[in-house]
Amino acid sequence: MGIIWGVTLIARDRKVAANLLQRLLYYFPPHSDTDLNSYVIGDKTILQDVGVKEMKDVEALPPPSKTKDQILAQKQRGERCC
């Protein structure tokens, strides 16, 4: 049995929440065969706020603004649970 991790995102407004979600998706992208509808529970329109409609959009996300100047920005794929 694998471990299933969950994240609750709390932010002061939608813009900050979208920025945090973009960072999470950039640094910890789901596997390419993940259904994004199961990745975000609740209001899924926040995905559209960061320009994500399908998995190829996650893979094409630009680095978050504060890391553009850094030479190395490592991504960490999530682990499979089952």
Protein backbone atom coordinates (compact mmCIF):
# COMPACT_ATOMS: atom_id res chain seq x y z
CA MET A 1 0.00 0.00 0.00
CA GLY A 2 1.33 3.42 -0.93
CA ILE A 3 1.03 6.74 0.78
CA ILE A 4 -1.42 9.26 -0.62
CA TRP A 5 -0.47 12.87 0.04
CA GLY A 6 -2.95 15.68 0.03
CA VAL A 7 -2.52 19.40 0.14
CA THR A 8 -4.96 22.02 1.34
CA LEU A 9 -4.26 25.36 -0.25
CA ILE A 10 -5.16 28.42 1.79
CA ALA A 11 -4.38 31.87 0.44
CA ARG A 12 -5.52 35.43 1.07
CA ASP A 13 -6.98 35.77 -2.43
CA ARG A 14 -7.40 33.91 -5.70
CA LYS A 15 -4.31 35.49 -7.33
CA VAL A 16 -2.05 34.26 -4.54
CA ALA A 17 -3.74 30.84 -4.62
CA ALA A 18 -3.16 30.58 -8.37
CA ASN A 19 0.49 31.54 -7.91
CA LEU A 20 0.96 28.88 -5.22
CA LEU A 21 -0.77 26.25 -7.36
CA GLN A 22 1.44 27.11 -10.33
CA ARG A 23 4.53 26.70 -8.16
CA LEU A 24 3.30 23.35 -6.83
CA LEU A 25 2.57 22.09 -10.34
CA TYR A 26 5.93 23.30 -11.61
CA TYR A 27 8.06 21.81 -8.84
CA PHE A 28 5.94 18.71 -8.19
CA PRO A 29 4.18 17.89 -11.47
CA PRO A 30 1.85 14.90 -11.47
CA HIS A 31 2.65 11.94 -13.70
CA SER A 32 1.76 12.48 -17.33
CA ASP A 33 -1.13 10.00 -17.17
CA THR A 34 -2.78 11.75 -14.21
CA ASP A 35 -6.35 12.98 -14.69
CA LEU A 36 -6.24 16.64 -13.66
CA ASN A 37 -9.90 16.44 -12.60
CA SER A 38 -8.81 14.14 -9.79
CA TYR A 39 -5.77 16.27 -8.95
CA VAL A 40 -7.76 19.35 -7.89
CA ILE A 41 -10.90 18.88 -5.82
CA GLY A 42 -13.46 21.66 -5.70
CA ASP A 43 -13.22 24.74 -7.91
CA LYS A 44 -11.15 23.55 -10.87
CA THR A 45 -11.29 26.93 -12.62
CA ILE A 46 -8.19 27.93 -10.68
CA LEU A 47 -6.27 25.61 -13.02
CA GLN A 48 -7.36 27.83 -15.90
CA ASP A 49 -6.08 30.85 -13.97
CA VAL A 50 -2.57 29.44 -14.28
CA GLY A 51 -3.09 28.38 -17.91
CA VAL A 52 -3.59 24.67 -17.29
CA LYS A 53 -6.33 22.78 -19.13
CA GLU A 54 -4.59 19.44 -19.64
CA MET A 55 -1.36 17.65 -18.67
CA LYS A 56 0.65 19.06 -21.59
CA ASP A 57 0.01 22.51 -20.11
CA VAL A 58 1.54 21.41 -16.79
CA GLU A 59 4.63 20.15 -18.61
CA ALA A 60 4.94 23.50 -20.43
CA LEU A 61 4.65 25.71 -17.33
CA PRO A 62 7.38 28.35 -17.19
CA PRO A 63 9.54 28.54 -14.07
CA PRO A 64 8.04 30.67 -11.31
CA SER A 65 9.25 34.26 -11.54
CA LYS A 66 11.58 34.13 -8.54
CA THR A 67 13.48 31.14 -9.95
CA LYS A 68 14.05 32.38 -13.51
CA ASP A 69 17.46 33.74 -12.50
CA GLN A 70 18.50 30.56 -10.75
CA ILE A 71 20.64 28.21 -12.80
CA LEU A 72 19.09 25.04 -11.43
CA ALA A 73 15.38 24.60 -10.80
CA GLN A 74 14.76 20.91 -10.16
CA LYS A 75 11.40 19.31 -10.63
CA GLN A 76 10.34 16.35 -8.49
CA ARG A 77 7.79 13.93 -9.94
CA GLY A 78 5.24 12.67 -7.46
CA GLU A 79 5.48 9.07 -6.32
CA ARG A 80 3.06 6.42 -7.48
CA CYS A 81 0.86 5.22 -4.67
CA CYS A 82 -0.53 2.02 -6.19
